[in-house]
């Protein structure tokens, strides 16, 4: 099982960590904490995305590559 520090370093999947704490309907405090950590990371990314034109261009270029690949696969 990945440690929460691995989530901070982006070396673990959040779902892998959260699934350990969702065996019953009561939300474990660690589940809630990791869930909030995910919201914070998303907010930080969105702030960086809105602030950096270079980041937006890199993401757009990556999306175009994927879209072109999918179009080629559809053609085949």
PDB file of N, CA and C in Angstrom:
ATOM      1  N   UNK A   1       0.845  -1.184   0.000  1.00  0.00           N
ATOM      2  CA  UNK A   1       0.000   0.000   0.000  1.00  0.00           C
ATOM      3  C   UNK A   1       0.881   1.235   0.000  1.00  0.00           C
ATOM      4  N   UNK A   2       0.630   2.189  -0.883  1.00  0.00           N
ATOM      5  CA  UNK A   2       1.420   3.413  -0.936  1.00  0.00           C
ATOM      6  C   UNK A   2       1.220   4.261   0.324  1.00  0.00           C
ATOM      7  N   UNK A   3       2.229   4.966   0.713  1.00  0.00           N
ATOM      8  CA  UNK A   3       2.156   5.860   1.855  1.00  0.00           C
ATOM      9  C   UNK A   3       1.596   7.207   1.406  1.00  0.00           C
ATOM     10  N   UNK A   4       0.965   7.978   2.305  1.00  0.00           N
ATOM     11  CA  UNK A   4       0.465   9.306   1.938  1.00  0.00           C
ATOM     12  C   UNK A   4       1.547  10.230   1.394  1.00  0.00           C
ATOM     13  N   UNK A   5       2.802  10.069   1.868  1.00  0.00           N
ATOM     14  CA  UNK A   5       3.886  10.894   1.336  1.00  0.00           C
ATOM     15  C   UNK A   5       4.113  10.624  -0.143  1.00  0.00           C
ATOM     16  N   UNK A   6       3.859   9.390  -0.581  1.00  0.00           N
ATOM     17  CA  UNK A   6       4.001   9.072  -1.996  1.00  0.00           C
ATOM     18  C   UNK A   6       2.953   9.805  -2.815  1.00  0.00           C
ATOM     19  N   UNK A   7       1.783  10.027  -2.228  1.00  0.00           N
ATOM     20  CA  UNK A   7       0.754  10.802  -2.917  1.00  0.00           C
ATOM     21  C   UNK A   7       1.226  12.238  -3.094  1.00  0.00           C
ATOM     22  N   UNK A   8       1.846  12.795  -2.064  1.00  0.00           N
ATOM     23  CA  UNK A   8       2.357  14.160  -2.159  1.00  0.00           C
ATOM     24  C   UNK A   8       3.420  14.274  -3.244  1.00  0.00           C
ATOM     25  N   UNK A   9       4.230  13.237  -3.405  1.00  0.00           N
ATOM     26  CA  UNK A   9       5.286  13.246  -4.416  1.00  0.00           C
ATOM     27  C   UNK A   9       4.786  12.753  -5.764  1.00  0.00           C
ATOM     28  N   UNK A  10       3.486  12.502  -5.872  1.00  0.00           N
ATOM     29  CA  UNK A  10       2.852  12.031  -7.116  1.00  0.00           C
ATOM     30  C   UNK A  10       3.388  10.676  -7.554  1.00  0.00           C
ATOM     31  N   UNK A  11       3.747   9.832  -6.599  1.00  0.00           N
ATOM     32  CA  UNK A  11       4.230   8.503  -6.955  1.00  0.00           C
ATOM     33  C   UNK A  11       3.213   7.422  -6.622  1.00  0.00           C
ATOM     34  N   UNK A  12       2.046   7.825  -6.115  1.00  0.00           N
ATOM     35  CA  UNK A  12       1.005   6.855  -5.785  1.00  0.00           C
ATOM     36  C   UNK A  12      -0.331   7.354  -6.308  1.00  0.00           C
ATOM     37  N   UNK A  13      -1.185   6.424  -6.648  1.00  0.00           N
ATOM     38  CA  UNK A  13      -2.521   6.754  -7.109  1.00  0.00           C
ATOM     39  C   UNK A  13      -3.408   7.032  -5.899  1.00  0.00           C
ATOM     40  N   UNK A  14      -4.146   8.131  -5.934  1.00  0.00           N
ATOM     41  CA  UNK A  14      -5.010   8.484  -4.807  1.00  0.00           C
ATOM     42  C   UNK A  14      -6.042   7.399  -4.547  1.00  0.00           C
ATOM     43  N   UNK A  15      -6.570   6.802  -5.604  1.00  0.00           N
ATOM     44  CA  UNK A  15      -7.574   5.750  -5.432  1.00  0.00           C
ATOM     45  C   UNK A  15      -7.006   4.554  -4.677  1.00  0.00           C
ATOM     46  N   UNK A  16      -5.740   4.241  -4.901  1.00  0.00           N
ATOM     47  CA  UNK A  16      -5.119   3.116  -4.199  1.00  0.00           C
ATOM     48  C   UNK A  16      -5.064   3.385  -2.702  1.00  0.00           C
ATOM     49  N   UNK A  17      -4.827   4.628  -2.348  1.00  0.00           N
ATOM     50  CA  UNK A  17      -4.774   4.982  -0.933  1.00  0.00           C
ATOM     51  C   UNK A  17      -6.178   5.056  -0.346  1.00  0.00           C
ATOM     52  N   UNK A  18      -7.089   5.722  -1.057  1.00  0.00           N
ATOM     53  CA  UNK A  18      -8.437   5.922  -0.523  1.00  0.00           C
ATOM     54  C   UNK A  18      -9.217   4.623  -0.396  1.00  0.00           C
ATOM     55  N   UNK A  19      -8.976   3.675  -1.283  1.00  0.00           N
ATOM     56  CA  UNK A  19      -9.745   2.430  -1.248  1.00  0.00           C
ATOM     57  C   UNK A  19      -9.526   1.655   0.050  1.00  0.00           C
ATOM     58  N   UNK A  20      -8.389   1.856   0.679  1.00  0.00           N
ATOM     59  CA  UNK A  20      -8.107   1.150   1.935  1.00  0.00           C
ATOM     60  C   UNK A  20      -9.040   1.602   3.059  1.00  0.00           C
ATOM     61  N   UNK A  21      -9.546   2.827   2.958  1.00  0.00           N
ATOM     62  CA  UNK A  21     -10.350   3.394   4.033  1.00  0.00           C
ATOM     63  C   UNK A  21     -11.847   3.403   3.734  1.00  0.00           C
ATOM     64  N   UNK A  22     -12.286   2.751   2.665  1.00  0.00           N
ATOM     65  CA  UNK A  22     -13.699   2.812   2.281  1.00  0.00           C
ATOM     66  C   UNK A  22     -14.377   1.449   2.354  1.00  0.00           C
ATOM     67  N   UNK A  23     -13.956   0.605   3.251  1.00  0.00           N
ATOM     68  CA  UNK A  23     -14.550  -0.727   3.348  1.00  0.00           C
ATOM     69  C   UNK A  23     -15.943  -0.687   3.975  1.00  0.00           C
ATOM     70  N   UNK A  24     -16.247   0.333   4.749  1.00  0.00           N
ATOM     71  CA  UNK A  24     -17.595   0.484   5.295  1.00  0.00           C
ATOM     72  C   UNK A  24     -18.128   1.866   4.922  1.00  0.00           C
ATOM     73  N   UNK A  25     -19.363   2.134   5.307  1.00  0.00           N
ATOM     74  CA  UNK A  25     -19.997   3.384   4.884  1.00  0.00           C
ATOM     75  C   UNK A  25     -19.507   4.599   5.662  1.00  0.00           C
ATOM     76  N   UNK A  26     -18.907   4.386   6.831  1.00  0.00           N
ATOM     77  CA  UNK A  26     -18.391   5.492   7.626  1.00  0.00           C
ATOM     78  C   UNK A  26     -17.059   5.932   7.034  1.00  0.00           C
ATOM     79  N   UNK A  27     -16.925   7.223   6.778  1.00  0.00           N
ATOM     80  CA  UNK A  27     -15.671   7.724   6.202  1.00  0.00           C
ATOM     81  C   UNK A  27     -14.616   7.860   7.296  1.00  0.00           C
ATOM     82  N   UNK A  28     -13.525   7.179   7.092  1.00  0.00           N
ATOM     83  CA  UNK A  28     -12.395   7.211   8.012  1.00  0.00           C
ATOM     84  C   UNK A  28     -11.771   8.606   7.960  1.00  0.00           C
ATOM     85  N   UNK A  29     -11.287   9.130   9.091  1.00  0.00           N
ATOM     86  CA  UNK A  29     -10.653  10.454   9.082  1.00  0.00           C
ATOM     87  C   UNK A  29      -9.478  10.542   8.108  1.00  0.00           C
ATOM     88  N   UNK A  30      -8.735   9.460   7.951  1.00  0.00           N
ATOM     89  CA  UNK A  30      -7.622   9.472   6.992  1.00  0.00           C
ATOM     90  C   UNK A  30      -8.152   9.596   5.568  1.00  0.00           C
ATOM     91  N   UNK A  31      -9.278   8.951   5.287  1.00  0.00           N
ATOM     92  CA  UNK A  31      -9.913   9.063   3.968  1.00  0.00           C
ATOM     93  C   UNK A  31     -10.283  10.512   3.698  1.00  0.00           C
ATOM     94  N   UNK A  32     -10.904  11.148   4.676  1.00  0.00           N
ATOM     95  CA  UNK A  32     -11.300  12.542   4.509  1.00  0.00           C
ATOM     96  C   UNK A  32     -10.087  13.442   4.318  1.00  0.00           C
ATOM     97  N   UNK A  33      -9.011  13.182   5.053  1.00  0.00           N
ATOM     98  CA  UNK A  33      -7.802  13.996   4.935  1.00  0.00           C
ATOM     99  C   UNK A  33      -7.169  13.846   3.558  1.00  0.00           C
ATOM    100  N   UNK A  34      -7.067  12.617   3.067  1.00  0.00           N
ATOM    101  CA  UNK A  34      -6.467  12.391   1.749  1.00  0.00           C
ATOM    102  C   UNK A  34      -7.361  12.969   0.662  1.00  0.00           C
ATOM    103  N   UNK A  35      -8.672  12.887   0.859  1.00  0.00           N
ATOM    104  CA  UNK A  35      -9.608  13.466  -0.098  1.00  0.00           C
ATOM    105  C   UNK A  35      -9.424  14.984  -0.177  1.00  0.00           C
ATOM    106  N   UNK A  36      -9.277  15.628   0.971  1.00  0.00           N
ATOM    107  CA  UNK A  36      -9.041  17.074   0.994  1.00  0.00           C
ATOM    108  C   UNK A  36      -7.693  17.415   0.372  1.00  0.00           C
ATOM    109  N   UNK A  37      -6.690  16.578   0.603  1.00  0.00           N
ATOM    110  CA  UNK A  37      -5.378  16.792  -0.007  1.00  0.00           C
ATOM    111  C   UNK A  37      -5.491  16.776  -1.529  1.00  0.00           C
ATOM    112  N   UNK A  38      -6.299  15.861  -2.053  1.00  0.00           N
ATOM    113  CA  UNK A  38      -6.523  15.809  -3.494  1.00  0.00           C
ATOM    114  C   UNK A  38      -7.170  17.078  -4.013  1.00  0.00           C
ATOM    115  N   UNK A  39      -8.100  17.633  -3.257  1.00  0.00           N
ATOM    116  CA  UNK A  39      -8.752  18.882  -3.663  1.00  0.00           C
ATOM    117  C   UNK A  39      -7.749  20.032  -3.684  1.00  0.00           C
ATOM    118  N   UNK A  40      -6.853  20.049  -2.692  1.00  0.00           N
ATOM    119  CA  UNK A  40      -5.823  21.094  -2.633  1.00  0.00           C
ATOM    120  C   UNK A  40      -4.893  20.990  -3.839  1.00  0.00           C
ATOM    121  N   UNK A  41      -4.467  19.754  -4.166  1.00  0.00           N
ATOM    122  CA  UNK A  41      -3.571  19.559  -5.317  1.00  0.00           C
ATOM    123  C   UNK A  41      -4.243  20.002  -6.607  1.00  0.00           C
ATOM    124  N   UNK A  42      -5.534  19.707  -6.746  1.00  0.00           N
ATOM    125  CA  UNK A  42      -6.273  20.108  -7.941  1.00  0.00           C
ATOM    126  C   UNK A  42      -6.347  21.630  -8.026  1.00  0.00           C
ATOM    127  N   UNK A  43      -6.603  22.292  -6.901  1.00  0.00           N
ATOM    128  CA  UNK A  43      -6.675  23.749  -6.878  1.00  0.00           C
ATOM    129  C   UNK A  43      -5.335  24.367  -7.245  1.00  0.00           C
ATOM    130  N   UNK A  44      -4.247  23.816  -6.715  1.00  0.00           N
ATOM    131  CA  UNK A  44      -2.913  24.330  -7.046  1.00  0.00           C
ATOM    132  C   UNK A  44      -2.644  24.174  -8.535  1.00  0.00           C
ATOM    133  N   UNK A  45      -2.986  23.005  -9.105  1.00  0.00           N
ATOM    134  CA  UNK A  45      -2.781  22.796 -10.534  1.00  0.00           C
ATOM    135  C   UNK A  45      -3.583  23.806 -11.344  1.00  0.00           C
ATOM    136  N   UNK A  46      -4.840  24.024 -10.976  1.00  0.00           N
ATOM    137  CA  UNK A  46      -5.672  24.967 -11.723  1.00  0.00           C
ATOM    138  C   UNK A  46      -5.108  26.383 -11.650  1.00  0.00           C
ATOM    139  N   UNK A  47      -4.585  26.776 -10.496  1.00  0.00           N
ATOM    140  CA  UNK A  47      -3.957  28.099 -10.372  1.00  0.00           C
ATOM    141  C   UNK A  47      -2.733  28.202 -11.276  1.00  0.00           C
ATOM    142  N   UNK A  48      -1.906  27.152 -11.289  1.00  0.00           N
ATOM    143  CA  UNK A  48      -0.731  27.150 -12.164  1.00  0.00           C
ATOM    144  C   UNK A  48      -1.148  27.175 -13.627  1.00  0.00           C
ATOM    145  N   UNK A  49      -2.195  26.424 -13.968  1.00  0.00           N
ATOM    146  CA  UNK A  49      -2.691  26.360 -15.342  1.00  0.00           C
ATOM    147  C   UNK A  49      -3.175  27.734 -15.801  1.00  0.00           C
ATOM    148  N   UNK A  50      -3.935  28.404 -14.957  1.00  0.00           N
ATOM    149  CA  UNK A  50      -4.462  29.717 -15.325  1.00  0.00           C
ATOM    150  C   UNK A  50      -3.372  30.780 -15.366  1.00  0.00           C
ATOM    151  N   UNK A  51      -2.325  30.604 -14.578  1.00  0.00           N
ATOM    152  CA  UNK A  51      -1.258  31.594 -14.493  1.00  0.00           C
ATOM    153  C   UNK A  51      -0.195  31.433 -15.579  1.00  0.00           C
ATOM    154  N   UNK A  52      -0.034  30.242 -16.132  1.00  0.00           N
ATOM    155  CA  UNK A  52       1.078  29.966 -17.040  1.00  0.00           C
ATOM    156  C   UNK A  52       0.595  29.684 -18.460  1.00  0.00           C
ATOM    157  N   UNK A  53       0.888  30.609 -19.359  1.00  0.00           N
ATOM    158  CA  UNK A  53       0.528  30.406 -20.763  1.00  0.00           C
ATOM    159  C   UNK A  53       1.336  29.253 -21.360  1.00  0.00           C
ATOM    160  N   UNK A  54       2.582  29.099 -20.937  1.00  0.00           N
ATOM    161  CA  UNK A  54       3.431  28.013 -21.439  1.00  0.00           C
ATOM    162  C   UNK A  54       2.834  26.658 -21.065  1.00  0.00           C
ATOM    163  N   UNK A  55       2.368  26.519 -19.831  1.00  0.00           N
ATOM    164  CA  UNK A  55       1.746  25.266 -19.399  1.00  0.00           C
ATOM    165  C   UNK A  55       0.499  24.970 -20.225  1.00  0.00           C
ATOM    166  N   UNK A  56      -0.316  25.991 -20.465  1.00  0.00           N
ATOM    167  CA  UNK A  56      -1.524  25.792 -21.275  1.00  0.00           C
ATOM    168  C   UNK A  56      -1.163  25.354 -22.686  1.00  0.00           C
ATOM    169  N   UNK A  57      -0.115  25.940 -23.267  1.00  0.00           N
ATOM    170  CA  UNK A  57       0.315  25.560 -24.615  1.00  0.00           C
ATOM    171  C   UNK A  57       0.813  24.117 -24.642  1.00  0.00           C
ATOM    172  N   UNK A  58       1.597  23.719 -23.629  1.00  0.00           N
ATOM    173  CA  UNK A  58       2.101  22.343 -23.573  1.00  0.00           C
ATOM    174  C   UNK A  58       0.957  21.339 -23.470  1.00  0.00           C
ATOM    175  N   UNK A  59      -0.026  21.656 -22.658  1.00  0.00           N
ATOM    176  CA  UNK A  59      -1.172  20.755 -22.512  1.00  0.00           C
ATOM    177  C   UNK A  59      -1.952  20.691 -23.814  1.00  0.00           C
ATOM    178  N   UNK A  60      -2.158  21.829 -24.458  1.00  0.00           N
ATOM    179  CA  UNK A  60      -2.877  21.858 -25.738  1.00  0.00           C
ATOM    180  C   UNK A  60      -2.144  21.038 -26.795  1.00  0.00           C
ATOM    181  N   UNK A  61      -0.815  21.157 -26.845  1.00  0.00           N
ATOM    182  CA  UNK A  61      -0.031  20.373 -27.805  1.00  0.00           C
ATOM    183  C   UNK A  61      -0.174  18.877 -27.529  1.00  0.00           C
ATOM    184  N   UNK A  62      -0.127  18.501 -26.268  1.00  0.00           N
ATOM    185  CA  UNK A  62      -0.292  17.092 -25.912  1.00  0.00           C
ATOM    186  C   UNK A  62      -1.668  16.569 -26.284  1.00  0.00           C
ATOM    187  N   UNK A  63      -2.688  17.378 -26.057  1.00  0.00           N
ATOM    188  CA  UNK A  63      -4.044  16.972 -26.422  1.00  0.00           C
ATOM    189  C   UNK A  63      -4.190  16.832 -27.931  1.00  0.00           C
ATOM    190  N   UNK A  64      -3.527  17.714 -28.689  1.00  0.00           N
ATOM    191  CA  UNK A  64      -3.584  17.622 -30.150  1.00  0.00           C
ATOM    192  C   UNK A  64      -2.932  16.337 -30.645  1.00  0.00           C
ATOM    193  N   UNK A  65      -1.819  15.948 -30.036  1.00  0.00           N
ATOM    194  CA  UNK A  65      -1.150  14.703 -30.422  1.00  0.00           C
ATOM    195  C   UNK A  65      -2.085  13.520 -30.188  1.00  0.00           C
ATOM    196  N   UNK A  66      -2.718  13.503 -29.038  1.00  0.00           N
ATOM    197  CA  UNK A  66      -3.634  12.399 -28.718  1.00  0.00           C
ATOM    198  C   UNK A  66      -4.825  12.398 -29.662  1.00  0.00           C
ATOM    199  N   UNK A  67      -5.367  13.582 -29.955  1.00  0.00           N
ATOM    200  CA  UNK A  67      -6.511  13.665 -30.863  1.00  0.00           C
ATOM    201  C   UNK A  67      -6.132  13.187 -32.263  1.00  0.00           C
ATOM    202  N   UNK A  68      -4.938  13.562 -32.731  1.00  0.00           N
ATOM    203  CA  UNK A  68      -4.479  13.096 -34.042  1.00  0.00           C
ATOM    204  C   UNK A  68      -4.298  11.579 -34.051  1.00  0.00           C
ATOM    205  N   UNK A  69      -3.764  11.028 -32.976  1.00  0.00           N
ATOM    206  CA  UNK A  69      -3.580   9.580 -32.874  1.00  0.00           C
ATOM    207  C   UNK A  69      -4.929   8.870 -32.923  1.00  0.00           C
ATOM    208  N   UNK A  70      -5.896   9.394 -32.174  1.00  0.00           N
ATOM    209  CA  UNK A  70      -7.228   8.788 -32.173  1.00  0.00           C
ATOM    210  C   UNK A  70      -7.889   8.889 -33.544  1.00  0.00           C
ATOM    211  N   UNK A  71      -7.688   9.997 -34.244  1.00  0.00           N
ATOM    212  CA  UNK A  71      -8.246  10.147 -35.590  1.00  0.00           C
ATOM    213  C   UNK A  71      -7.635   9.123 -36.539  1.00  0.00           C
ATOM    214  N   UNK A  72      -6.331   8.901 -36.421  1.00  0.00           N
ATOM    215  CA  UNK A  72      -5.669   7.912 -37.278  1.00  0.00           C
ATOM    216  C   UNK A  72      -6.188   6.511 -36.973  1.00  0.00           C
ATOM    217  N   UNK A  73      -6.396   6.201 -35.702  1.00  0.00           N
ATOM    218  CA  UNK A  73      -6.931   4.887 -35.332  1.00  0.00           C
ATOM    219  C   UNK A  73      -8.355   4.704 -35.838  1.00  0.00           C
ATOM    220  N   UNK A  74      -9.152   5.762 -35.818  1.00  0.00           N
ATOM    221  CA  UNK A  74     -10.517   5.680 -36.338  1.00  0.00           C
ATOM    222  C   UNK A  74     -10.505   5.425 -37.837  1.00  0.00           C
ATOM    223  N   UNK A  75      -9.527   6.014 -38.533  1.00  0.00           N
ATOM    224  CA  UNK A  75      -9.425   5.845 -39.981  1.00  0.00           C
ATOM    225  C   UNK A  75      -9.083   4.397 -40.330  1.00  0.00           C
ATOM    226  N   UNK A  76      -8.210   3.811 -39.514  1.00  0.00           N
ATOM    227  CA  UNK A  76      -7.779   2.425 -39.761  1.00  0.00           C
ATOM    228  C   UNK A  76      -8.924   1.524 -39.422  1.00  0.00           C
TER     229      UNK A  76
END
